[in-house]
C-alpha atoms as a PDB file:
ATOM      1  CA  MET A   1     121.218  48.808  26.579  1.00  0.00           C
ATOM      2  CA  THR A   2     121.951  52.892  25.737  1.00  0.00           C
ATOM      3  CA  ASP A   3     121.308  55.246  29.457  1.00  0.00           C
ATOM      4  CA  SER A   4     117.652  56.343  27.772  1.00  0.00           C
ATOM      5  CA  ASP A   5     116.895  52.627  27.956  1.00  0.00           C
ATOM      6  CA  LEU A   6     117.680  52.226  31.741  1.00  0.00           C
ATOM      7  CA  PRO A   7     114.876  52.245  34.103  1.00  0.00           C
ATOM      8  CA  VAL A   8     114.904  55.755  35.878  1.00  0.00           C
ATOM      9  CA  TRP A   9     116.050  54.580  39.201  1.00  0.00           C
ATOM     10  CA  LYS A  10     118.991  52.807  37.837  1.00  0.00           C
ATOM     11  CA  LEU A  11     122.343  54.771  39.169  1.00  0.00           C
ATOM     12  CA  ARG A  12     124.956  55.601  35.745  1.00  0.00           C
ATOM     13  CA  TRP A  13     128.028  56.362  35.460  1.00  0.00           C
ATOM     14  CA  THR A  14     127.553  59.525  34.489  1.00  0.00           C
ATOM     15  CA  ASP A  15     125.420  60.619  37.680  1.00  0.00           C
ATOM     16  CA  LEU A  16     129.109  61.153  39.366  1.00  0.00           C
ATOM     17  CA  TRP A  17     129.119  64.123  37.424  1.00  0.00           C
ATOM     18  CA  TRP A  18     126.268  65.599  40.113  1.00  0.00           C
ATOM     19  CA  LEU A  19     129.019  65.426  42.796  1.00  0.00           C
ATOM     20  CA  LEU A  20     129.681  68.380  41.568  1.00  0.00           C
ATOM     21  CA  ALA A  21     126.867  70.171  42.980  1.00  0.00           C
ATOM     22  CA  TYR A  22     127.659  68.797  46.653  1.00  0.00           C
ATOM     23  CA  PRO A  23     127.448  72.765  47.595  1.00  0.00           C
ATOM     24  CA  ALA A  24     123.923  73.116  46.641  1.00  0.00           C
ATOM     25  CA  TYR A  25     123.209  69.519  48.297  1.00  0.00           C
ATOM     26  CA  GLN A  26     124.560  70.920  51.456  1.00  0.00           C
ATOM     27  CA  SER A  27     122.770  74.335  50.857  1.00  0.00           C
ATOM     28  CA  PHE A  28     119.015  72.171  51.174  1.00  0.00           C
ATOM     29  CA  GLY A  29     120.578  69.924  53.716  1.00  0.00           C
ATOM     30  CA  THR A  30     122.080  72.991  55.736  1.00  0.00           C
ATOM     31  CA  ILE A  31     118.447  74.439  55.590  1.00  0.00           C
ATOM     32  CA  ARG A  32     117.127  71.364  56.838  1.00  0.00           C
ATOM     33  CA  HIS A  33     118.922  70.687  59.435  1.00  0.00           C
ATOM     34  CA  GLU A  34     119.035  74.357  61.044  1.00  0.00           C
ATOM     35  CA  GLY A  35     115.422  75.073  60.303  1.00  0.00           C
ATOM     36  CA  SER A  36     114.723  72.234  62.317  1.00  0.00           C
ATOM     37  CA  HIS A  37     116.593  73.899  65.374  1.00  0.00           C
ATOM     38  CA  ALA A  38     114.581  77.227  64.670  1.00  0.00           C
ATOM     39  CA  LEU A  39     111.450  75.584  64.154  1.00  0.00           C
ATOM     40  CA  VAL A  40     111.347  73.445  67.187  1.00  0.00           C
ATOM     41  CA  ALA A  41     113.586  76.545  69.632  1.00  0.00           C
ATOM     42  CA  LYS A  42     110.215  78.630  68.510  1.00  0.00           C
ATOM     43  CA  LEU A  43     108.134  76.137  69.343  1.00  0.00           C
ATOM     44  CA  GLU A  44     109.515  75.617  72.538  1.00  0.00           C
ATOM     45  CA  GLY A  45     109.272  79.413  73.651  1.00  0.00           C
ATOM     46  CA  ALA A  46     112.825  80.230  72.403  1.00  0.00           C
ATOM     47  CA  ASP A  47     113.325  83.460  70.635  1.00  0.00           C
ATOM     48  CA  VAL A  48     115.569  82.519  67.158  1.00  0.00           C
ATOM     49  CA  THR A  49     117.612  85.744  66.834  1.00  0.00           C
ATOM     50  CA  ASN A  50     120.192  84.460  63.706  1.00  0.00           C
ATOM     51  CA  PHE A  51     119.440  81.743  61.235  1.00  0.00           C
ATOM     52  CA  VAL A  52     121.973  81.068  59.165  1.00  0.00           C
ATOM     53  CA  PHE A  53     122.330  78.632  56.295  1.00  0.00           C
ATOM     54  CA  TRP A  54     125.774  79.454  54.222  1.00  0.00           C
ATOM     55  CA  PRO A  55     129.085  78.296  54.714  1.00  0.00           C
ATOM     56  CA  GLN A  56     130.899  80.466  56.895  1.00  0.00           C
ATOM     57  CA  THR A  57     133.526  81.249  59.947  1.00  0.00           C
ATOM     58  CA  ASP A  58     131.400  83.207  62.300  1.00  0.00           C
ATOM     59  CA  LEU A  59     131.773  81.045  65.037  1.00  0.00           C
ATOM     60  CA  GLY A  60     135.613  80.872  64.951  1.00  0.00           C
ATOM     61  CA  ARG A  61     135.271  77.550  62.699  1.00  0.00           C
ATOM     62  CA  PHE A  62     133.952  76.345  59.508  1.00  0.00           C
ATOM     63  CA  THR A  63     130.303  75.569  59.399  1.00  0.00           C
ATOM     64  CA  TRP A  64     127.681  75.360  56.978  1.00  0.00           C
ATOM     65  CA  GLY A  65     125.163  77.275  59.103  1.00  0.00           C
ATOM     66  CA  TYR A  66     124.058  77.926  62.370  1.00  0.00           C
ATOM     67  CA  THR A  67     121.034  78.814  64.377  1.00  0.00           C
ATOM     68  CA  GLU A  68     121.388  81.384  67.421  1.00  0.00           C
ATOM     69  CA  TRP A  69     117.974  81.877  69.964  1.00  0.00           C
ATOM     70  CA  THR A  70     117.596  83.223  73.481  1.00  0.00           C
ATOM     71  CA  GLY A  71     115.631  81.655  76.126  1.00  0.00           C
ATOM     72  CA  SER A  72     115.147  78.004  77.442  1.00  0.00           C
ATOM     73  CA  THR A  73     114.816  75.033  75.385  1.00  0.00           C
ATOM     74  CA  GLY A  74     115.214  71.490  76.303  1.00  0.00           C
ATOM     75  CA  TRP A  75     116.632  68.186  74.726  1.00  0.00           C
ATOM     76  CA  ALA A  76     114.691  68.318  71.185  1.00  0.00           C
ATOM     77  CA  THR A  77     115.848  71.479  69.965  1.00  0.00           C
ATOM     78  CA  ASP A  78     119.114  69.886  69.706  1.00  0.00           C
ATOM     79  CA  ALA A  79     117.161  67.045  68.946  1.00  0.00           C
ATOM     80  CA  ALA A  80     115.032  67.839  66.013  1.00  0.00           C
ATOM     81  CA  PRO A  81     117.702  67.494  62.817  1.00  0.00           C
ATOM     82  CA  TYR A  82     117.841  64.231  63.177  1.00  0.00           C
ATOM     83  CA  LEU A  83     113.966  63.362  63.781  1.00  0.00           C
ATOM     84  CA  CYS A  84     113.432  65.445  60.466  1.00  0.00           C
ATOM     85  CA  ASP A  85     115.979  63.917  59.033  1.00  0.00           C
ATOM     86  CA  LEU A  86     114.141  60.639  59.715  1.00  0.00           C
ATOM     87  CA  LEU A  87     110.748  61.958  58.682  1.00  0.00           C
ATOM     88  CA  TRP A  88     112.669  63.502  55.406  1.00  0.00           C
ATOM     89  CA  PHE A  89     113.846  60.073  54.092  1.00  0.00           C
ATOM     90  CA  VAL A  90     110.430  58.360  54.738  1.00  0.00           C
ATOM     91  CA  GLY A  91     108.610  60.837  52.741  1.00  0.00           C
ATOM     92  CA  PHE A  92     111.466  60.568  49.839  1.00  0.00           C
ATOM     93  CA  PHE A  93     111.377  57.020  50.301  1.00  0.00           C
ATOM     94  CA  PHE A  94     107.819  56.570  49.309  1.00  0.00           C
ATOM     95  CA  LEU A  95     107.333  59.414  47.223  1.00  0.00           C
ATOM     96  CA  LEU A  96     110.877  57.672  45.016  1.00  0.00           C
ATOM     97  CA  THR A  97     109.003  54.363  45.298  1.00  0.00           C
ATOM     98  CA  ARG A  98     105.370  55.085  44.349  1.00  0.00           C
ATOM     99  CA  ALA A  99     105.293  58.207  42.234  1.00  0.00           C
ATOM    100  CA  PRO A 100     105.467  57.927  38.575  1.00  0.00           C
ATOM    101  CA  ILE A 101     108.514  59.733  38.004  1.00  0.00           C
ATOM    102  CA  ARG A 102     109.758  59.652  34.625  1.00  0.00           C
ATOM    103  CA  ASN A 103     112.872  61.658  34.489  1.00  0.00           C
ATOM    104  CA  HIS A 104     115.969  60.307  35.019  1.00  0.00           C
ATOM    105  CA  LEU A 105     117.832  63.618  36.308  1.00  0.00           C
ATOM    106  CA  VAL A 106     114.596  64.603  38.280  1.00  0.00           C
ATOM    107  CA  TRP A 107     114.570  61.124  40.026  1.00  0.00           C
ATOM    108  CA  LEU A 108     118.537  61.597  41.305  1.00  0.00           C
ATOM    109  CA  ASN A 109     118.614  64.413  43.034  1.00  0.00           C
ATOM    110  CA  LEU A 110     115.369  63.670  44.557  1.00  0.00           C
ATOM    111  CA  ALA A 111     117.103  60.978  45.627  1.00  0.00           C
ATOM    112  CA  ILE A 112     120.054  63.049  46.579  1.00  0.00           C
ATOM    113  CA  VAL A 113     118.160  65.667  48.462  1.00  0.00           C
ATOM    114  CA  GLY A 114     115.683  63.167  50.376  1.00  0.00           C
ATOM    115  CA  LEU A 115     118.068  59.850  50.779  1.00  0.00           C
ATOM    116  CA  LEU A 116     121.422  61.066  50.845  1.00  0.00           C
ATOM    117  CA  SER A 117     121.224  63.698  52.156  1.00  0.00           C
ATOM    118  CA  PRO A 118     119.530  62.676  55.855  1.00  0.00           C
ATOM    119  CA  LEU A 119     122.082  59.816  55.571  1.00  0.00           C
ATOM    120  CA  VAL A 120     125.251  62.208  55.766  1.00  0.00           C
ATOM    121  CA  ASN A 121     123.690  64.586  57.519  1.00  0.00           C
ATOM    122  CA  SER A 122     122.866  62.242  60.767  1.00  0.00           C
ATOM    123  CA  PHE A 123     125.914  60.362  59.642  1.00  0.00           C
ATOM    124  CA  VAL A 124     128.624  63.222  60.045  1.00  0.00           C
ATOM    125  CA  GLN A 125     126.556  64.756  62.932  1.00  0.00           C
ATOM    126  CA  TRP A 126     126.574  61.375  64.753  1.00  0.00           C
ATOM    127  CA  MET A 127     130.375  60.996  64.639  1.00  0.00           C
ATOM    128  CA  ALA A 128     131.040  64.770  65.495  1.00  0.00           C
ATOM    129  CA  GLY A 129     129.099  64.586  68.864  1.00  0.00           C
ATOM    130  CA  ILE A 130     131.586  61.284  69.381  1.00  0.00           C
ATOM    131  CA  PHE A 131     134.902  62.353  68.521  1.00  0.00           C
ATOM    132  CA  GLY A 132     133.653  66.402  68.010  1.00  0.00           C
ATOM    133  CA  SER A 133     133.091  69.085  69.691  1.00  0.00           C
ATOM    134  CA  PRO A 134     130.930  69.078  72.938  1.00  0.00           C
ATOM    135  CA  GLU A 135     129.764  71.928  71.559  1.00  0.00           C
ATOM    136  CA  THR A 136     127.702  69.921  68.658  1.00  0.00           C
ATOM    137  CA  ASP A 137     123.628  69.091  68.955  1.00  0.00           C
ATOM    138  CA  VAL A 138     124.523  65.533  69.427  1.00  0.00           C
ATOM    139  CA  ALA A 139     127.161  66.104  71.973  1.00  0.00           C
ATOM    140  CA  LYS A 140     123.983  67.841  73.909  1.00  0.00           C
ATOM    141  CA  TRP A 141     121.492  65.322  73.019  1.00  0.00           C
ATOM    142  CA  LEU A 142     124.073  62.402  74.643  1.00  0.00           C
ATOM    143  CA  GLY A 143     124.242  65.093  77.526  1.00  0.00           C
ATOM    144  CA  ALA A 144     120.514  65.044  78.262  1.00  0.00           C
ATOM    145  CA  TRP A 145     119.612  61.314  77.751  1.00  0.00           C
ATOM    146  CA  PRO A 146     121.095  58.121  77.962  1.00  0.00           C
ATOM    147  CA  ASP A 147     123.774  57.954  75.851  1.00  0.00           C
ATOM    148  CA  PHE A 148     123.113  54.005  74.661  1.00  0.00           C
ATOM    149  CA  VAL A 149     119.366  55.403  74.120  1.00  0.00           C
ATOM    150  CA  VAL A 150     121.056  58.171  71.276  1.00  0.00           C
ATOM    151  CA  HIS A 151     123.182  56.085  70.173  1.00  0.00           C
ATOM    152  CA  LEU A 152     120.537  53.310  69.733  1.00  0.00           C
ATOM    153  CA  TYR A 153     118.223  55.968  67.799  1.00  0.00           C
ATOM    154  CA  PHE A 154     121.097  56.343  65.199  1.00  0.00           C
ATOM    155  CA  PHE A 155     122.373  53.312  65.024  1.00  0.00           C
ATOM    156  CA  VAL A 156     119.198  52.044  63.275  1.00  0.00           C
ATOM    157  CA  THR A 157     117.922  55.232  61.840  1.00  0.00           C
ATOM    158  CA  VAL A 158     121.397  55.432  60.081  1.00  0.00           C
ATOM    159  CA  THR A 159     120.856  50.884  59.051  1.00  0.00           C
ATOM    160  CA  ALA A 160     117.710  52.347  57.758  1.00  0.00           C
ATOM    161  CA  TYR A 161     118.808  54.536  55.117  1.00  0.00           C
ATOM    162  CA  VAL A 162     121.238  52.463  54.691  1.00  0.00           C
ATOM    163  CA  VAL A 163     119.107  49.690  53.965  1.00  0.00           C
ATOM    164  CA  GLY A 164     116.843  52.152  52.280  1.00  0.00           C
ATOM    165  CA  ILE A 165     118.985  53.629  49.850  1.00  0.00           C
ATOM    166  CA  LEU A 166     119.915  50.235  48.808  1.00  0.00           C
ATOM    167  CA  ALA A 167     116.383  48.530  48.343  1.00  0.00           C
ATOM    168  CA  VAL A 168     115.274  51.858  46.281  1.00  0.00           C
ATOM    169  CA  THR A 169     118.355  51.879  43.396  1.00  0.00           C
ATOM    170  CA  LEU A 170     118.313  47.979  43.699  1.00  0.00           C
ATOM    171  CA  ARG A 171     114.830  47.418  43.361  1.00  0.00           C
ATOM    172  CA  VAL A 172     114.417  45.024  46.476  1.00  0.00           C
ATOM    173  CA  PRO A 173     112.579  43.349  47.799  1.00  0.00           C
ATOM    174  CA  LYS A 174     110.316  42.961  44.567  1.00  0.00           C
ATOM    175  CA  GLN A 175     106.978  43.050  47.268  1.00  0.00           C
ATOM    176  CA  LEU A 176     107.922  46.185  48.918  1.00  0.00           C
ATOM    177  CA  LEU A 177     109.121  47.856  46.166  1.00  0.00           C
ATOM    178  CA  PRO A 178     106.823  48.135  42.901  1.00  0.00           C
ATOM    179  CA  GLU A 179     107.584  48.277  39.698  1.00  0.00           C
ATOM    180  CA  ALA A 180     108.682  51.272  37.563  1.00  0.00           C
ATOM    181  CA  VAL A 181     105.590  52.647  35.623  1.00  0.00           C
ATOM    182  CA  PRO A 182     107.696  51.968  32.212  1.00  0.00           C
ATOM    183  CA  ALA A 183     108.820  55.108  30.156  1.00  0.00           C
END
């Protein structure tokens, strides 16, 4: 069986070459992350003064981007990227399991941007909130809400992301995931 004979959702060894595109995927994830902060800060009445979505060291350390705003905001602005990750993941999960995508490279890139990126963002930022700087989004969210609730949110969502990714790539359970459209 050749790669072209495999179902669109079946991973191939050659897919590992897409790891070289990590900076591009990270940039898309940064736009989603920082855009979530900016949108919710704006909705809470703040004025977004700086929206940076490219790698830099403006803050005295390396970051993939940042958003600055003036005005008062609540916990929702700090939590926005992780709530957005959840919505993003759910949307892409249904897209990848229901839409008749026939091209493997399109499917793979949608899976990376839509499923893997929220997992990486949420998990890395959760760990940074625990072990990193008190200035991280998650550390601020932990300061605003009971630790148990925030950790439970991340535990449940990160676990759901892993299970969802396994379900999409293994196509199990069959009842939940319809059979892929034949090529």
